[in-house]
Amino acid sequence: MYLTTEKKKEIFKKFGKSETDTGSTEGQIALFSYRINHLSDHLKKNAKDFNTERSLVRLVGKRRSLLDYLKDNDIERYRSIIKELGIRK
């Protein structure tokens, strides 16, 4: 499995307030970004996997809505997470 409990804790520790703070917006965005990168790599090898493609599109939409929420509420946190994850709009 590509996303273990240890990897999740590491992501939330780095981007969230703590490793048990799974509800923070930055932690969720970082987790979605990790999953999006994994699914993108999978689709490069398996171009006809349409179920994974649909999941990828849904994840990108969820991440986009969280980024929009963060941009509306705290632009500085938005800018820092964009820079840290290397996401471009």
N, C-alpha and C. Protein backbone atom coordinates (compact mmCIF):
# COMPACT_ATOMS: atom_id res chain seq x y z
N MET A 1 0.85 -1.18 0.00
CA MET A 1 0.00 0.00 0.00
C MET A 1 0.89 1.24 0.00
N TYR A 2 0.54 2.20 -0.78
CA TYR A 2 1.38 3.38 -0.96
C TYR A 2 1.21 4.41 0.15
N LEU A 3 0.07 4.42 0.83
CA LEU A 3 -0.19 5.43 1.85
C LEU A 3 -0.36 4.74 3.20
N THR A 4 0.73 4.61 3.93
CA THR A 4 0.70 3.94 5.22
C THR A 4 0.36 4.94 6.32
N THR A 5 0.08 4.42 7.49
CA THR A 5 -0.24 5.28 8.63
C THR A 5 0.94 6.17 8.98
N GLU A 6 2.15 5.64 8.87
CA GLU A 6 3.34 6.43 9.18
C GLU A 6 3.49 7.59 8.20
N LYS A 7 3.20 7.33 6.93
CA LYS A 7 3.31 8.38 5.92
C LYS A 7 2.28 9.48 6.18
N LYS A 8 1.06 9.10 6.56
CA LYS A 8 0.03 10.08 6.89
C LYS A 8 0.45 10.93 8.07
N LYS A 9 0.98 10.28 9.13
CA LYS A 9 1.43 11.02 10.29
C LYS A 9 2.54 11.99 9.93
N GLU A 10 3.44 11.56 9.07
CA GLU A 10 4.53 12.42 8.62
C GLU A 10 4.00 13.65 7.87
N ILE A 11 3.02 13.44 7.00
CA ILE A 11 2.43 14.55 6.23
C ILE A 11 1.73 15.52 7.17
N PHE A 12 0.93 15.00 8.11
CA PHE A 12 0.20 15.88 9.01
C PHE A 12 1.13 16.57 10.00
N LYS A 13 2.22 15.92 10.38
CA LYS A 13 3.19 16.55 11.27
C LYS A 13 3.89 17.71 10.57
N LYS A 14 4.19 17.53 9.28
CA LYS A 14 4.90 18.56 8.53
C LYS A 14 3.99 19.74 8.18
N PHE A 15 2.78 19.47 7.75
CA PHE A 15 1.90 20.52 7.25
C PHE A 15 0.80 20.94 8.22
N GLY A 16 0.40 20.05 9.13
CA GLY A 16 -0.64 20.39 10.09
C GLY A 16 -0.03 20.92 11.36
N LYS A 17 -0.85 21.02 12.38
CA LYS A 17 -0.35 21.50 13.67
C LYS A 17 0.37 20.39 14.44
N SER A 18 -0.11 19.15 14.29
CA SER A 18 0.54 17.99 14.89
C SER A 18 0.20 16.78 14.04
N GLU A 19 0.78 15.63 14.39
CA GLU A 19 0.53 14.45 13.57
C GLU A 19 -0.86 13.88 13.78
N THR A 20 -1.54 14.28 14.86
CA THR A 20 -2.90 13.81 15.08
C THR A 20 -3.94 14.81 14.60
N ASP A 21 -3.52 15.98 14.14
CA ASP A 21 -4.43 17.01 13.66
C ASP A 21 -4.73 16.76 12.19
N THR A 22 -5.67 15.85 11.93
CA THR A 22 -5.98 15.46 10.56
C THR A 22 -7.00 16.36 9.91
N GLY A 23 -7.56 17.31 10.64
CA GLY A 23 -8.61 18.15 10.09
C GLY A 23 -8.14 19.50 9.60
N SER A 24 -6.87 19.82 9.78
CA SER A 24 -6.40 21.13 9.36
C SER A 24 -6.43 21.22 7.84
N THR A 25 -6.72 22.39 7.35
CA THR A 25 -6.85 22.59 5.92
C THR A 25 -5.52 22.30 5.21
N GLU A 26 -4.42 22.78 5.78
CA GLU A 26 -3.11 22.56 5.16
C GLU A 26 -2.77 21.07 5.12
N GLY A 27 -3.08 20.35 6.18
CA GLY A 27 -2.82 18.92 6.21
C GLY A 27 -3.63 18.17 5.17
N GLN A 28 -4.90 18.54 5.04
CA GLN A 28 -5.75 17.91 4.03
C GLN A 28 -5.24 18.18 2.62
N ILE A 29 -4.83 19.42 2.35
CA ILE A 29 -4.32 19.78 1.03
C ILE A 29 -3.04 18.99 0.73
N ALA A 30 -2.17 18.86 1.72
CA ALA A 30 -0.93 18.12 1.53
C ALA A 30 -1.21 16.64 1.27
N LEU A 31 -2.17 16.08 2.00
CA LEU A 31 -2.53 14.67 1.79
C LEU A 31 -3.12 14.46 0.40
N PHE A 32 -4.02 15.35 0.00
CA PHE A 32 -4.59 15.25 -1.35
C PHE A 32 -3.50 15.38 -2.41
N SER A 33 -2.54 16.26 -2.20
CA SER A 33 -1.46 16.44 -3.17
C SER A 33 -0.62 15.18 -3.29
N TYR A 34 -0.35 14.53 -2.16
CA TYR A 34 0.41 13.28 -2.18
C TYR A 34 -0.35 12.21 -2.97
N ARG A 35 -1.65 12.11 -2.71
CA ARG A 35 -2.46 11.11 -3.41
C ARG A 35 -2.58 11.44 -4.90
N ILE A 36 -2.69 12.72 -5.23
CA ILE A 36 -2.79 13.14 -6.63
C ILE A 36 -1.51 12.78 -7.38
N ASN A 37 -0.37 13.02 -6.75
CA ASN A 37 0.90 12.66 -7.39
C ASN A 37 1.01 11.16 -7.63
N HIS A 38 0.56 10.38 -6.66
CA HIS A 38 0.61 8.92 -6.81
C HIS A 38 -0.31 8.46 -7.95
N LEU A 39 -1.52 8.99 -7.98
CA LEU A 39 -2.45 8.58 -9.04
C LEU A 39 -1.98 9.05 -10.41
N SER A 40 -1.34 10.21 -10.48
CA SER A 40 -0.81 10.70 -11.76
C SER A 40 0.26 9.76 -12.29
N ASP A 41 1.14 9.31 -11.40
CA ASP A 41 2.17 8.35 -11.81
C ASP A 41 1.54 7.04 -12.28
N HIS A 42 0.51 6.60 -11.59
CA HIS A 42 -0.18 5.36 -11.97
C HIS A 42 -0.81 5.50 -13.36
N LEU A 43 -1.41 6.66 -13.62
CA LEU A 43 -2.08 6.85 -14.92
C LEU A 43 -1.08 6.99 -16.07
N LYS A 44 0.14 7.40 -15.78
CA LYS A 44 1.15 7.45 -16.84
C LYS A 44 1.48 6.05 -17.34
N LYS A 45 1.42 5.07 -16.43
CA LYS A 45 1.71 3.68 -16.79
C LYS A 45 0.47 2.97 -17.32
N ASN A 46 -0.71 3.33 -16.81
CA ASN A 46 -1.96 2.65 -17.14
C ASN A 46 -2.95 3.67 -17.69
N ALA A 47 -2.79 4.01 -18.93
CA ALA A 47 -3.57 5.09 -19.53
C ALA A 47 -5.06 4.78 -19.64
N LYS A 48 -5.42 3.51 -19.69
CA LYS A 48 -6.83 3.16 -19.88
C LYS A 48 -7.57 2.85 -18.57
N ASP A 49 -6.99 3.20 -17.45
CA ASP A 49 -7.61 2.97 -16.16
C ASP A 49 -8.53 4.16 -15.86
N PHE A 50 -9.76 4.05 -16.32
CA PHE A 50 -10.69 5.18 -16.26
C PHE A 50 -11.24 5.41 -14.85
N ASN A 51 -11.32 4.36 -14.04
CA ASN A 51 -11.77 4.54 -12.66
C ASN A 51 -10.78 5.37 -11.87
N THR A 52 -9.50 5.11 -12.07
CA THR A 52 -8.48 5.90 -11.40
C THR A 52 -8.48 7.33 -11.92
N GLU A 53 -8.73 7.49 -13.18
CA GLU A 53 -8.79 8.83 -13.76
C GLU A 53 -9.93 9.64 -13.13
N ARG A 54 -11.06 9.00 -12.92
CA ARG A 54 -12.19 9.66 -12.29
C ARG A 54 -11.86 10.03 -10.85
N SER A 55 -11.20 9.13 -10.14
CA SER A 55 -10.80 9.41 -8.76
C SER A 55 -9.83 10.58 -8.70
N LEU A 56 -8.93 10.64 -9.66
CA LEU A 56 -7.97 11.73 -9.73
C LEU A 56 -8.67 13.07 -9.93
N VAL A 57 -9.64 13.10 -10.82
CA VAL A 57 -10.37 14.34 -11.08
C VAL A 57 -11.14 14.78 -9.84
N ARG A 58 -11.73 13.83 -9.11
CA ARG A 58 -12.44 14.16 -7.88
C ARG A 58 -11.50 14.71 -6.82
N LEU A 59 -10.32 14.11 -6.70
CA LEU A 59 -9.35 14.60 -5.72
C LEU A 59 -8.86 16.00 -6.05
N VAL A 60 -8.64 16.26 -7.32
CA VAL A 60 -8.20 17.59 -7.73
C VAL A 60 -9.28 18.62 -7.40
N GLY A 61 -10.53 18.26 -7.61
CA GLY A 61 -11.63 19.16 -7.28
C GLY A 61 -11.73 19.43 -5.78
N LYS A 62 -11.54 18.39 -4.97
CA LYS A 62 -11.57 18.57 -3.52
C LYS A 62 -10.43 19.47 -3.06
N ARG A 63 -9.24 19.23 -3.63
CA ARG A 63 -8.09 20.07 -3.25
C ARG A 63 -8.31 21.51 -3.68
N ARG A 64 -8.88 21.70 -4.86
CA ARG A 64 -9.15 23.05 -5.36
C ARG A 64 -10.13 23.79 -4.44
N SER A 65 -11.17 23.08 -3.98
CA SER A 65 -12.14 23.74 -3.11
C SER A 65 -11.51 24.09 -1.76
N LEU A 66 -10.64 23.23 -1.24
CA LEU A 66 -9.94 23.56 0.00
C LEU A 66 -9.00 24.74 -0.19
N LEU A 67 -8.33 24.79 -1.34
CA LEU A 67 -7.44 25.92 -1.61
C LEU A 67 -8.23 27.22 -1.74
N ASP A 68 -9.40 27.15 -2.37
CA ASP A 68 -10.25 28.34 -2.48
C ASP A 68 -10.72 28.81 -1.11
N TYR A 69 -11.09 27.85 -0.24
CA TYR A 69 -11.49 28.18 1.11
C TYR A 69 -10.36 28.87 1.87
N LEU A 70 -9.16 28.31 1.75
CA LEU A 70 -8.01 28.87 2.45
C LEU A 70 -7.66 30.25 1.91
N LYS A 71 -7.79 30.44 0.61
CA LYS A 71 -7.50 31.73 0.00
C LYS A 71 -8.48 32.79 0.47
N ASP A 72 -9.73 32.43 0.62
CA ASP A 72 -10.74 33.38 1.08
C ASP A 72 -10.56 33.76 2.55
N ASN A 73 -10.09 32.82 3.36
CA ASN A 73 -10.01 33.07 4.80
C ASN A 73 -8.65 33.57 5.27
N ASP A 74 -7.56 33.08 4.70
CA ASP A 74 -6.23 33.50 5.15
C ASP A 74 -5.26 33.39 3.98
N ILE A 75 -5.02 34.51 3.31
CA ILE A 75 -4.22 34.52 2.09
C ILE A 75 -2.76 34.15 2.35
N GLU A 76 -2.25 34.48 3.54
CA GLU A 76 -0.85 34.16 3.85
C GLU A 76 -0.64 32.65 3.99
N ARG A 77 -1.55 31.97 4.66
CA ARG A 77 -1.46 30.51 4.76
C ARG A 77 -1.61 29.87 3.40
N TYR A 78 -2.47 30.44 2.55
CA TYR A 78 -2.66 29.95 1.19
C TYR A 78 -1.35 30.06 0.40
N ARG A 79 -0.72 31.22 0.47
CA ARG A 79 0.53 31.43 -0.27
C ARG A 79 1.63 30.51 0.22
N SER A 80 1.70 30.30 1.53
CA SER A 80 2.76 29.45 2.07
C SER A 80 2.56 27.99 1.66
N ILE A 81 1.33 27.50 1.67
CA ILE A 81 1.10 26.09 1.29
C ILE A 81 1.32 25.89 -0.21
N ILE A 82 0.97 26.88 -1.01
CA ILE A 82 1.21 26.79 -2.46
C ILE A 82 2.72 26.70 -2.73
N LYS A 83 3.47 27.56 -2.05
CA LYS A 83 4.91 27.58 -2.24
C LYS A 83 5.56 26.29 -1.74
N GLU A 84 5.11 25.82 -0.59
CA GLU A 84 5.72 24.65 0.02
C GLU A 84 5.46 23.38 -0.79
N LEU A 85 4.25 23.24 -1.32
CA LEU A 85 3.91 22.05 -2.08
C LEU A 85 4.27 22.16 -3.55
N GLY A 86 4.55 23.36 -4.01
CA GLY A 86 4.89 23.53 -5.43
C GLY A 86 3.68 23.45 -6.33
N ILE A 87 2.51 23.82 -5.80
CA ILE A 87 1.28 23.82 -6.60
C ILE A 87 1.21 25.15 -7.33
N ARG A 88 0.86 25.10 -8.58
CA ARG A 88 0.68 26.34 -9.32
C ARG A 88 -0.75 26.42 -9.78
N LYS A 89 -1.24 27.64 -9.91
CA LYS A 89 -2.62 27.81 -10.34
C LYS A 89 -2.66 28.16 -11.80
